[in-house]
Amino acid sequence: MSISARMAVMIDLHTHSSASDGDFSPAQLIREASKKGIGAIALTDHDTLGGLESAAIEAKTAGVRFIPGIEISIRWEGKGGVSGLGPGGEMHLLGLGIQSPSPAFLGAIAELSSRREARNREILNRMHELSIEASWEEIIAIAGGDSVGRPHFASLLVSKKIVRNREQAFSRYLRPGRPLYVPKAGLDFDEAAVLIGESGGIPVLAHPMSLYVAWGRLGELIKALKDRGLRGIETWHPIAKAKSCHRLEDLGRSLGLYLTEGSDFHGLTRPDRQLGYSSRSRAINDTILEKIPDLLYN
């Protein structure tokens, strides 16, 4: 029976765990999804595959369809004949359905991990320059031994009563242009698309509105990315307005790209992002999987 011939159930194709910057462990994330009646979920932690095995085991126990994934930071400076990223624009590439990571893929992820640690130590050095007392051991403890990121530094600033909450930590210290901001290292788009593809996955452009590209140029940009290996576009996401999401759907269809949706769930610290819901509290249902056979049948 096709998905469309029965009642649709909720899914989520963009989530995070404590393996990167989420609050829940991979297993806790799956249990939470099961509790909410989510039938399929993709774990897409930032630049790491570390949570996939634990999540897959829990998903099998919980009876939740699991889609192994990743969200890769992309180094993008208008190269390759396509420009247009405005100040603060960033590009992330989802890899959905990573079944067999290639040796090259694993090597690239290990390199990103090394660069991430260098970035985090630079943030710590900048804290010292601002006379903020902090140690590497403290930040590791806050991260729980998992991948360290800016949200953990934000929590550290809160714990030291330098700011009231994590939102203030970002607005005063950790956003682009603020004293503790250090740019994130990323992969070239072409490299990331190839690595995802050779590992059994589908390269999907995450939250396109975060590119900060004007609508008049966005179509040109995404078409160029398709020509270079892009196969999908995340059309519905909590940061985007419904009107923009509909326009992204039209653009994606016109280019023959897969259309995906995700909550970009991180946990309790991001109450605006709920498992199974995208923009404007829109429930994400599994009818979209019927149109992505590479995810439906793998």
C-alpha atoms as a PDB file:
ATOM      1  CA  MET A   1       0.000   0.000   0.000  1.00  0.00           C
ATOM      2  CA  SER A   2       1.393   3.432  -0.891  1.00  0.00           C
ATOM      3  CA  ILE A   3       1.832   6.049   1.776  1.00  0.00           C
ATOM      4  CA  SER A   4      -0.798   8.244   0.146  1.00  0.00           C
ATOM      5  CA  ALA A   5      -3.380   5.394   0.334  1.00  0.00           C
ATOM      6  CA  ARG A   6      -3.425   5.433   4.134  1.00  0.00           C
ATOM      7  CA  MET A   7      -3.358   7.959   6.926  1.00  0.00           C
ATOM      8  CA  ALA A   8      -0.049   9.811   6.981  1.00  0.00           C
ATOM      9  CA  VAL A   9       2.111   9.773  10.104  1.00  0.00           C
ATOM     10  CA  MET A  10       4.604  12.335  11.311  1.00  0.00           C
ATOM     11  CA  ILE A  11       8.292  12.194  10.401  1.00  0.00           C
ATOM     12  CA  ASP A  12      11.300  14.479  10.812  1.00  0.00           C
ATOM     13  CA  LEU A  13      14.238  14.726   8.399  1.00  0.00           C
ATOM     14  CA  HIS A  14      16.460  17.173  10.323  1.00  0.00           C
ATOM     15  CA  THR A  15      17.319  16.680  14.011  1.00  0.00           C
ATOM     16  CA  HIS A  16      20.302  16.994  16.350  1.00  0.00           C
ATOM     17  CA  SER A  17      21.524  15.119  19.405  1.00  0.00           C
ATOM     18  CA  SER A  18      24.232  15.633  22.017  1.00  0.00           C
ATOM     19  CA  ALA A  19      26.680  14.117  19.531  1.00  0.00           C
ATOM     20  CA  SER A  20      26.822  17.686  18.203  1.00  0.00           C
ATOM     21  CA  ASP A  21      24.874  20.551  19.785  1.00  0.00           C
ATOM     22  CA  GLY A  22      21.565  18.993  20.805  1.00  0.00           C
ATOM     23  CA  ASP A  23      20.362  18.444  24.362  1.00  0.00           C
ATOM     24  CA  PHE A  24      19.244  14.809  24.100  1.00  0.00           C
ATOM     25  CA  SER A  25      21.515  11.818  23.644  1.00  0.00           C
ATOM     26  CA  PRO A  26      20.895   9.950  20.363  1.00  0.00           C
ATOM     27  CA  ALA A  27      18.940   7.256  22.216  1.00  0.00           C
ATOM     28  CA  GLN A  28      16.916   9.836  24.158  1.00  0.00           C
ATOM     29  CA  LEU A  29      16.096  11.619  20.901  1.00  0.00           C
ATOM     30  CA  ILE A  30      14.667   8.425  19.414  1.00  0.00           C
ATOM     31  CA  ARG A  31      12.646   7.704  22.559  1.00  0.00           C
ATOM     32  CA  GLU A  32      11.254  11.234  22.463  1.00  0.00           C
ATOM     33  CA  ALA A  33      10.318  10.798  18.794  1.00  0.00           C
ATOM     34  CA  SER A  34       8.589   7.497  19.547  1.00  0.00           C
ATOM     35  CA  LYS A  35       6.686   9.083  22.420  1.00  0.00           C
ATOM     36  CA  LYS A  36       5.391  11.759  20.033  1.00  0.00           C
ATOM     37  CA  GLY A  37       4.249   9.201  17.482  1.00  0.00           C
ATOM     38  CA  ILE A  38       6.919   9.996  14.891  1.00  0.00           C
ATOM     39  CA  GLY A  39       7.241   7.122  12.454  1.00  0.00           C
ATOM     40  CA  ALA A  40      10.549   8.020  10.795  1.00  0.00           C
ATOM     41  CA  ILE A  41      13.413  10.256  11.830  1.00  0.00           C
ATOM     42  CA  ALA A  42      16.763  11.351  10.434  1.00  0.00           C
ATOM     43  CA  LEU A  43      19.591  12.195  12.830  1.00  0.00           C
ATOM     44  CA  THR A  44      21.678  14.906  11.159  1.00  0.00           C
ATOM     45  CA  ASP A  45      24.270  16.068  13.674  1.00  0.00           C
ATOM     46  CA  HIS A  46      26.744  18.764  12.696  1.00  0.00           C
ATOM     47  CA  ASP A  47      29.869  17.373  11.016  1.00  0.00           C
ATOM     48  CA  THR A  48      29.748  14.042  12.849  1.00  0.00           C
ATOM     49  CA  LEU A  49      28.398  10.515  12.471  1.00  0.00           C
ATOM     50  CA  GLY A  50      29.055   9.797  16.145  1.00  0.00           C
ATOM     51  CA  GLY A  51      25.435   9.406  17.240  1.00  0.00           C
ATOM     52  CA  LEU A  52      24.163   7.198  14.414  1.00  0.00           C
ATOM     53  CA  GLU A  53      24.926   3.763  15.833  1.00  0.00           C
ATOM     54  CA  SER A  54      23.281   4.449  19.191  1.00  0.00           C
ATOM     55  CA  ALA A  55      20.261   6.058  17.513  1.00  0.00           C
ATOM     56  CA  ALA A  56      19.856   3.163  15.079  1.00  0.00           C
ATOM     57  CA  ILE A  57      19.858   0.601  17.892  1.00  0.00           C
ATOM     58  CA  GLU A  58      17.251   2.547  19.863  1.00  0.00           C
ATOM     59  CA  ALA A  59      15.117   3.093  16.749  1.00  0.00           C
ATOM     60  CA  LYS A  60      14.989  -0.647  16.097  1.00  0.00           C
ATOM     61  CA  THR A  61      13.827  -1.237  19.667  1.00  0.00           C
ATOM     62  CA  ALA A  62      11.253   1.571  19.472  1.00  0.00           C
ATOM     63  CA  GLY A  63       9.936   0.585  16.055  1.00  0.00           C
ATOM     64  CA  VAL A  64      10.866   3.947  14.520  1.00  0.00           C
ATOM     65  CA  ARG A  65      12.209   4.041  10.962  1.00  0.00           C
ATOM     66  CA  PHE A  66      15.720   5.471  11.179  1.00  0.00           C
ATOM     67  CA  ILE A  67      17.458   7.461   8.453  1.00  0.00           C
ATOM     68  CA  PRO A  68      21.172   7.955   9.173  1.00  0.00           C
ATOM     69  CA  GLY A  69      22.352  11.413   8.235  1.00  0.00           C
ATOM     70  CA  ILE A  70      24.650  14.350   8.832  1.00  0.00           C
ATOM     71  CA  GLU A  71      24.661  18.143   8.445  1.00  0.00           C
ATOM     72  CA  ILE A  72      27.924  19.344   6.931  1.00  0.00           C
ATOM     73  CA  SER A  73      29.222  22.887   7.211  1.00  0.00           C
ATOM     74  CA  ILE A  74      30.131  24.168   3.750  1.00  0.00           C
ATOM     75  CA  ARG A  75      32.917  26.593   2.998  1.00  0.00           C
ATOM     76  CA  TRP A  76      31.236  28.960   0.565  1.00  0.00           C
ATOM     77  CA  GLU A  77      32.625  32.219  -0.749  1.00  0.00           C
ATOM     78  CA  GLY A  78      30.889  32.543  -4.092  1.00  0.00           C
ATOM     79  CA  LYS A  79      33.371  30.247  -5.830  1.00  0.00           C
ATOM     80  CA  GLY A  80      32.723  28.307  -8.994  1.00  0.00           C
ATOM     81  CA  GLY A  81      31.073  31.152 -10.859  1.00  0.00           C
ATOM     82  CA  VAL A  82      28.226  31.587  -8.375  1.00  0.00           C
ATOM     83  CA  SER A  83      28.233  34.461  -5.914  1.00  0.00           C
ATOM     84  CA  GLY A  84      25.666  36.311  -3.901  1.00  0.00           C
ATOM     85  CA  LEU A  85      26.044  35.327  -0.251  1.00  0.00           C
ATOM     86  CA  GLY A  86      25.378  38.353   1.883  1.00  0.00           C
ATOM     87  CA  PRO A  87      26.954  39.200   5.249  1.00  0.00           C
ATOM     88  CA  GLY A  88      26.313  36.425   7.725  1.00  0.00           C
ATOM     89  CA  GLY A  89      25.123  33.982   5.081  1.00  0.00           C
ATOM     90  CA  GLU A  90      26.034  30.354   5.658  1.00  0.00           C
ATOM     91  CA  MET A  91      25.550  27.078   3.819  1.00  0.00           C
ATOM     92  CA  HIS A  92      24.844  23.691   5.346  1.00  0.00           C
ATOM     93  CA  LEU A  93      24.404  20.462   3.406  1.00  0.00           C
ATOM     94  CA  LEU A  94      22.335  17.598   4.756  1.00  0.00           C
ATOM     95  CA  GLY A  95      23.406  14.092   3.841  1.00  0.00           C
ATOM     96  CA  LEU A  96      20.310  11.893   4.191  1.00  0.00           C
ATOM     97  CA  GLY A  97      20.607   8.107   4.084  1.00  0.00           C
ATOM     98  CA  ILE A  98      24.319   7.681   4.856  1.00  0.00           C
ATOM     99  CA  GLN A  99      24.408   3.879   4.732  1.00  0.00           C
ATOM    100  CA  SER A 100      28.096   3.080   4.154  1.00  0.00           C
ATOM    101  CA  PRO A 101      30.477   5.987   4.873  1.00  0.00           C
ATOM    102  CA  SER A 102      33.428   5.795   2.511  1.00  0.00           C
ATOM    103  CA  PRO A 103      37.008   6.001   3.834  1.00  0.00           C
ATOM    104  CA  ALA A 104      37.289   9.444   2.223  1.00  0.00           C
ATOM    105  CA  PHE A 105      34.092  10.555   3.956  1.00  0.00           C
ATOM    106  CA  LEU A 106      35.359   9.375   7.344  1.00  0.00           C
ATOM    107  CA  GLY A 107      38.669  11.134   6.729  1.00  0.00           C
ATOM    108  CA  ALA A 108      36.939  14.416   5.883  1.00  0.00           C
ATOM    109  CA  ILE A 109      34.780  14.214   9.024  1.00  0.00           C
ATOM    110  CA  ALA A 110      37.880  13.553  11.137  1.00  0.00           C
ATOM    111  CA  GLU A 111      39.537  16.630   9.629  1.00  0.00           C
ATOM    112  CA  LEU A 112      36.457  18.724  10.409  1.00  0.00           C
ATOM    113  CA  SER A 113      36.620  17.488  14.005  1.00  0.00           C
ATOM    114  CA  SER A 114      40.246  18.604  14.250  1.00  0.00           C
ATOM    115  CA  ARG A 115      39.382  22.023  12.841  1.00  0.00           C
ATOM    116  CA  ARG A 116      36.441  22.290  15.254  1.00  0.00           C
ATOM    117  CA  GLU A 117      38.719  21.743  18.248  1.00  0.00           C
ATOM    118  CA  ALA A 118      41.103  24.415  16.965  1.00  0.00           C
ATOM    119  CA  ARG A 119      38.159  26.802  16.623  1.00  0.00           C
ATOM    120  CA  ASN A 120      36.927  26.038  20.133  1.00  0.00           C
ATOM    121  CA  ARG A 121      40.352  26.633  21.636  1.00  0.00           C
ATOM    122  CA  GLU A 122      40.506  29.985  19.842  1.00  0.00           C
ATOM    123  CA  ILE A 123      37.141  30.924  21.378  1.00  0.00           C
ATOM    124  CA  LEU A 124      38.559  29.976  24.778  1.00  0.00           C
ATOM    125  CA  ASN A 125      41.650  32.130  24.136  1.00  0.00           C
ATOM    126  CA  ARG A 126      39.411  35.077  23.269  1.00  0.00           C
ATOM    127  CA  MET A 127      37.519  34.581  26.521  1.00  0.00           C
ATOM    128  CA  HIS A 128      40.828  34.853  28.373  1.00  0.00           C
ATOM    129  CA  GLU A 129      41.616  38.066  26.458  1.00  0.00           C
ATOM    130  CA  LEU A 130      38.325  39.453  27.796  1.00  0.00           C
ATOM    131  CA  SER A 131      39.390  38.410  31.320  1.00  0.00           C
ATOM    132  CA  ILE A 132      36.717  35.721  31.442  1.00  0.00           C
ATOM    133  CA  GLU A 133      38.095  32.860  33.500  1.00  0.00           C
ATOM    134  CA  ALA A 134      37.364  29.527  31.838  1.00  0.00           C
ATOM    135  CA  SER A 135      39.147  26.256  31.191  1.00  0.00           C
ATOM    136  CA  TRP A 136      39.024  23.592  28.506  1.00  0.00           C
ATOM    137  CA  GLU A 137      37.948  21.097  31.186  1.00  0.00           C
ATOM    138  CA  GLU A 138      34.946  23.268  32.060  1.00  0.00           C
ATOM    139  CA  ILE A 139      33.700  23.460  28.484  1.00  0.00           C
ATOM    140  CA  ILE A 140      34.198  19.710  27.986  1.00  0.00           C
ATOM    141  CA  ALA A 141      32.190  19.047  31.155  1.00  0.00           C
ATOM    142  CA  ILE A 142      29.325  21.221  29.899  1.00  0.00           C
ATOM    143  CA  ALA A 143      29.339  19.402  26.570  1.00  0.00           C
ATOM    144  CA  GLY A 144      29.182  16.096  28.398  1.00  0.00           C
ATOM    145  CA  GLY A 145      32.191  14.754  26.568  1.00  0.00           C
ATOM    146  CA  ASP A 146      30.528  15.126  23.182  1.00  0.00           C
ATOM    147  CA  SER A 147      31.251  17.536  20.358  1.00  0.00           C
ATOM    148  CA  VAL A 148      31.821  21.085  21.623  1.00  0.00           C
ATOM    149  CA  GLY A 149      30.086  24.003  19.907  1.00  0.00           C
ATOM    150  CA  ARG A 150      29.009  27.585  20.483  1.00  0.00           C
ATOM    151  CA  PRO A 151      25.901  26.575  22.486  1.00  0.00           C
ATOM    152  CA  HIS A 152      28.185  25.039  25.090  1.00  0.00           C
ATOM    153  CA  PHE A 153      30.201  28.258  25.345  1.00  0.00           C
ATOM    154  CA  ALA A 154      26.896  30.098  25.716  1.00  0.00           C
ATOM    155  CA  SER A 155      25.964  27.811  28.621  1.00  0.00           C
ATOM    156  CA  LEU A 156      29.366  28.461  30.184  1.00  0.00           C
ATOM    157  CA  LEU A 157      28.790  32.223  30.027  1.00  0.00           C
ATOM    158  CA  VAL A 158      25.404  31.733  31.686  1.00  0.00           C
ATOM    159  CA  SER A 159      26.888  29.566  34.431  1.00  0.00           C
ATOM    160  CA  LYS A 160      29.420  32.309  35.190  1.00  0.00           C
ATOM    161  CA  LYS A 161      26.599  34.888  35.339  1.00  0.00           C
ATOM    162  CA  ILE A 162      28.190  36.948  32.591  1.00  0.00           C
ATOM    163  CA  VAL A 163      24.891  36.819  30.703  1.00  0.00           C
ATOM    164  CA  ARG A 164      21.326  35.988  31.760  1.00  0.00           C
ATOM    165  CA  ASN A 165      20.629  33.308  29.170  1.00  0.00           C
ATOM    166  CA  ARG A 166      22.016  31.644  26.058  1.00  0.00           C
ATOM    167  CA  GLU A 167      20.221  34.040  23.729  1.00  0.00           C
ATOM    168  CA  GLN A 168      22.039  36.952  25.349  1.00  0.00           C
ATOM    169  CA  ALA A 169      25.316  35.015  25.143  1.00  0.00           C
ATOM    170  CA  PHE A 170      24.929  34.770  21.389  1.00  0.00           C
ATOM    171  CA  SER A 171      23.753  38.345  20.859  1.00  0.00           C
ATOM    172  CA  ARG A 172      26.604  39.824  22.919  1.00  0.00           C
ATOM    173  CA  TYR A 173      29.474  37.422  22.373  1.00  0.00           C
ATOM    174  CA  LEU A 174      29.012  34.530  19.948  1.00  0.00           C
ATOM    175  CA  ARG A 175      27.277  35.774  16.815  1.00  0.00           C
ATOM    176  CA  PRO A 176      29.216  36.948  13.731  1.00  0.00           C
ATOM    177  CA  GLY A 177      30.867  40.271  14.498  1.00  0.00           C
ATOM    178  CA  ARG A 178      30.884  39.657  18.272  1.00  0.00           C
ATOM    179  CA  PRO A 179      34.109  39.261  20.259  1.00  0.00           C
ATOM    180  CA  LEU A 180      33.948  35.481  20.721  1.00  0.00           C
ATOM    181  CA  TYR A 181      32.859  34.603  17.196  1.00  0.00           C
ATOM    182  CA  VAL A 182      35.295  32.466  15.226  1.00  0.00           C
ATOM    183  CA  PRO A 183      34.207  31.306  11.737  1.00  0.00           C
ATOM    184  CA  LYS A 184      33.475  27.607  11.421  1.00  0.00           C
ATOM    185  CA  ALA A 185      35.650  25.517   9.123  1.00  0.00           C
ATOM    186  CA  GLY A 186      33.797  23.653   6.396  1.00  0.00           C
ATOM    187  CA  LEU A 187      34.157  21.472   3.332  1.00  0.00           C
ATOM    188  CA  ASP A 188      33.943  22.651  -0.252  1.00  0.00           C
ATOM    189  CA  PHE A 189      30.464  22.004  -1.642  1.00  0.00           C
ATOM    190  CA  ASP A 190      31.681  19.794  -4.486  1.00  0.00           C
ATOM    191  CA  GLU A 191      33.713  17.616  -2.127  1.00  0.00           C
ATOM    192  CA  ALA A 192      30.838  17.263   0.346  1.00  0.00           C
ATOM    193  CA  ALA A 193      28.320  16.361  -2.376  1.00  0.00           C
ATOM    194  CA  VAL A 194      30.612  13.647  -3.768  1.00  0.00           C
ATOM    195  CA  LEU A 195      31.375  12.217  -0.320  1.00  0.00           C
ATOM    196  CA  ILE A 196      27.681  12.048   0.602  1.00  0.00           C
ATOM    197  CA  GLY A 197      26.798  10.404  -2.691  1.00  0.00           C
ATOM    198  CA  GLU A 198      29.529   7.781  -2.542  1.00  0.00           C
ATOM    199  CA  SER A 199      28.414   6.930   1.007  1.00  0.00           C
ATOM    200  CA  GLY A 200      24.868   6.138  -0.127  1.00  0.00           C
ATOM    201  CA  GLY A 201      23.341   9.484   0.827  1.00  0.00           C
ATOM    202  CA  ILE A 202      21.410  12.289  -0.809  1.00  0.00           C
ATOM    203  CA  PRO A 203      22.898  15.836  -0.694  1.00  0.00           C
ATOM    204  CA  VAL A 204      20.145  18.242   0.411  1.00  0.00           C
ATOM    205  CA  LEU A 205      20.531  22.002   0.858  1.00  0.00           C
ATOM    206  CA  ALA A 206      19.538  22.775   4.452  1.00  0.00           C
ATOM    207  CA  HIS A 207      17.416  25.836   5.353  1.00  0.00           C
ATOM    208  CA  PRO A 208      18.132  27.840   2.144  1.00  0.00           C
ATOM    209  CA  MET A 209      16.959  31.088   3.733  1.00  0.00           C
ATOM    210  CA  SER A 210      20.113  31.072   5.880  1.00  0.00           C
ATOM    211  CA  LEU A 211      22.106  31.740   2.716  1.00  0.00           C
ATOM    212  CA  TYR A 212      20.814  35.343   2.817  1.00  0.00           C
ATOM    213  CA  VAL A 213      20.577  35.401  -0.973  1.00  0.00           C
ATOM    214  CA  ALA A 214      17.978  37.629  -2.647  1.00  0.00           C
ATOM    215  CA  TRP A 215      15.145  35.798  -4.384  1.00  0.00           C
ATOM    216  CA  GLY A 216      16.239  37.221  -7.705  1.00  0.00           C
ATOM    217  CA  ARG A 217      19.501  35.258  -7.449  1.00  0.00           C
ATOM    218  CA  LEU A 218      18.487  32.253  -5.390  1.00  0.00           C
ATOM    219  CA  GLY A 219      17.215  30.261  -8.369  1.00  0.00           C
ATOM    220  CA  GLU A 220      20.496  30.762 -10.214  1.00  0.00           C
ATOM    221  CA  LEU A 221      22.464  29.692  -7.161  1.00  0.00           C
ATOM    222  CA  ILE A 222      20.468  26.524  -6.483  1.00  0.00           C
ATOM    223  CA  LYS A 223      20.460  25.532 -10.158  1.00  0.00           C
ATOM    224  CA  ALA A 224      24.248  25.843 -10.175  1.00  0.00           C
ATOM    225  CA  LEU A 225      24.424  23.666  -7.057  1.00  0.00           C
ATOM    226  CA  LYS A 226      22.220  21.055  -8.716  1.00  0.00           C
ATOM    227  CA  ASP A 227      24.619  20.982 -11.658  1.00  0.00           C
ATOM    228  CA  ARG A 228      27.357  20.268  -9.111  1.00  0.00           C
ATOM    229  CA  GLY A 229      25.624  17.418  -7.304  1.00  0.00           C
ATOM    230  CA  LEU A 230      22.759  18.812  -5.218  1.00  0.00           C
ATOM    231  CA  ARG A 231      19.755  16.464  -5.229  1.00  0.00           C
ATOM    232  CA  GLY A 232      17.363  17.965  -2.707  1.00  0.00           C
ATOM    233  CA  ILE A 233      16.258  21.140  -0.958  1.00  0.00           C
ATOM    234  CA  GLU A 234      14.804  21.599   2.525  1.00  0.00           C
ATOM    235  CA  THR A 235      11.726  23.633   1.683  1.00  0.00           C
ATOM    236  CA  TRP A 236      10.069  23.867   5.120  1.00  0.00           C
ATOM    237  CA  HIS A 237      12.090  24.844   8.191  1.00  0.00           C
ATOM    238  CA  PRO A 238      11.280  26.804  11.389  1.00  0.00           C
ATOM    239  CA  ILE A 239      13.383  29.841  10.417  1.00  0.00           C
ATOM    240  CA  ALA A 240      11.410  30.401   7.200  1.00  0.00           C
ATOM    241  CA  LYS A 241       8.045  32.077   6.740  1.00  0.00           C
ATOM    242  CA  ALA A 242       5.292  30.058   5.073  1.00  0.00           C
ATOM    243  CA  LYS A 243       5.363  32.257   1.976  1.00  0.00           C
ATOM    244  CA  SER A 244       9.069  31.604   1.539  1.00  0.00           C
ATOM    245  CA  CYS A 245       8.567  27.868   2.041  1.00  0.00           C
ATOM    246  CA  HIS A 246       5.967  27.756  -0.723  1.00  0.00           C
ATOM    247  CA  ARG A 247       8.344  29.631  -3.022  1.00  0.00           C
ATOM    248  CA  LEU A 248      11.119  27.157  -2.198  1.00  0.00           C
ATOM    249  CA  GLU A 249       8.761  24.287  -3.031  1.00  0.00           C
ATOM    250  CA  ASP A 250       8.014  25.829  -6.430  1.00  0.00           C
ATOM    251  CA  LEU A 251      11.719  26.406  -7.052  1.00  0.00           C
ATOM    252  CA  GLY A 252      12.665  22.885  -6.029  1.00  0.00           C
ATOM    253  CA  ARG A 253       9.995  21.317  -8.229  1.00  0.00           C
ATOM    254  CA  SER A 254      11.009  23.431 -11.211  1.00  0.00           C
ATOM    255  CA  LEU A 255      14.582  22.156 -10.848  1.00  0.00           C
ATOM    256  CA  GLY A 256      13.575  18.529 -10.313  1.00  0.00           C
ATOM    257  CA  LEU A 257      14.981  18.377  -6.785  1.00  0.00           C
ATOM    258  CA  TYR A 258      13.717  16.258  -3.903  1.00  0.00           C
ATOM    259  CA  LEU A 259      11.723  18.328  -1.394  1.00  0.00           C
ATOM    260  CA  THR A 260      12.353  17.704   2.317  1.00  0.00           C
ATOM    261  CA  GLU A 261      11.143  19.125   5.625  1.00  0.00           C
ATOM    262  CA  GLY A 262      12.672  19.182   9.076  1.00  0.00           C
ATOM    263  CA  SER A 263      12.332  20.666  12.533  1.00  0.00           C
ATOM    264  CA  ASP A 264      16.075  21.226  13.091  1.00  0.00           C
ATOM    265  CA  PHE A 265      15.299  20.012  16.596  1.00  0.00           C
ATOM    266  CA  HIS A 266      17.955  20.671  19.247  1.00  0.00           C
ATOM    267  CA  GLY A 267      16.036  20.069  22.460  1.00  0.00           C
ATOM    268  CA  LEU A 268      14.790  22.066  25.409  1.00  0.00           C
ATOM    269  CA  THR A 269      17.073  25.029  24.727  1.00  0.00           C
ATOM    270  CA  ARG A 270      15.278  25.666  21.420  1.00  0.00           C
ATOM    271  CA  PRO A 271      11.569  25.511  22.349  1.00  0.00           C
ATOM    272  CA  ASP A 272      10.696  27.084  18.990  1.00  0.00           C
ATOM    273  CA  ARG A 273      11.732  23.845  17.260  1.00  0.00           C
ATOM    274  CA  GLN A 274       9.571  20.823  18.028  1.00  0.00           C
ATOM    275  CA  LEU A 275      10.064  17.287  16.784  1.00  0.00           C
ATOM    276  CA  GLY A 276       7.853  16.559  13.804  1.00  0.00           C
ATOM    277  CA  TYR A 277       7.036  20.192  12.986  1.00  0.00           C
ATOM    278  CA  SER A 278       8.584  22.668  10.581  1.00  0.00           C
ATOM    279  CA  SER A 279       7.577  26.262   9.751  1.00  0.00           C
ATOM    280  CA  ARG A 280       4.571  27.712  11.553  1.00  0.00           C
ATOM    281  CA  SER A 281       4.043  24.499  13.533  1.00  0.00           C
ATOM    282  CA  ARG A 282       3.331  22.606  10.317  1.00  0.00           C
ATOM    283  CA  ALA A 283       3.280  18.859  10.951  1.00  0.00           C
ATOM    284  CA  ILE A 284       5.751  16.980   8.741  1.00  0.00           C
ATOM    285  CA  ASN A 285       4.069  13.877   7.346  1.00  0.00           C
ATOM    286  CA  ASP A 286       5.507  10.852   5.586  1.00  0.00           C
ATOM    287  CA  THR A 287       3.913  11.572   2.223  1.00  0.00           C
ATOM    288  CA  ILE A 288       7.166  13.325   1.268  1.00  0.00           C
ATOM    289  CA  LEU A 289       9.070  10.042   1.628  1.00  0.00           C
ATOM    290  CA  GLU A 290       7.031   8.495  -1.197  1.00  0.00           C
ATOM    291  CA  LYS A 291       8.684  10.994  -3.533  1.00  0.00           C
ATOM    292  CA  ILE A 292      12.208  10.168  -2.304  1.00  0.00           C
ATOM    293  CA  PRO A 293      12.586   6.461  -3.171  1.00  0.00           C
ATOM    294  CA  ASP A 294      16.268   6.445  -2.195  1.00  0.00           C
ATOM    295  CA  LEU A 295      15.174   7.088   1.421  1.00  0.00           C
ATOM    296  CA  LEU A 296      11.948   5.093   1.327  1.00  0.00           C
ATOM    297  CA  TYR A 297      13.509   1.815   0.283  1.00  0.00           C
ATOM    298  CA  ASN A 298      17.086   1.905   1.577  1.00  0.00           C
END
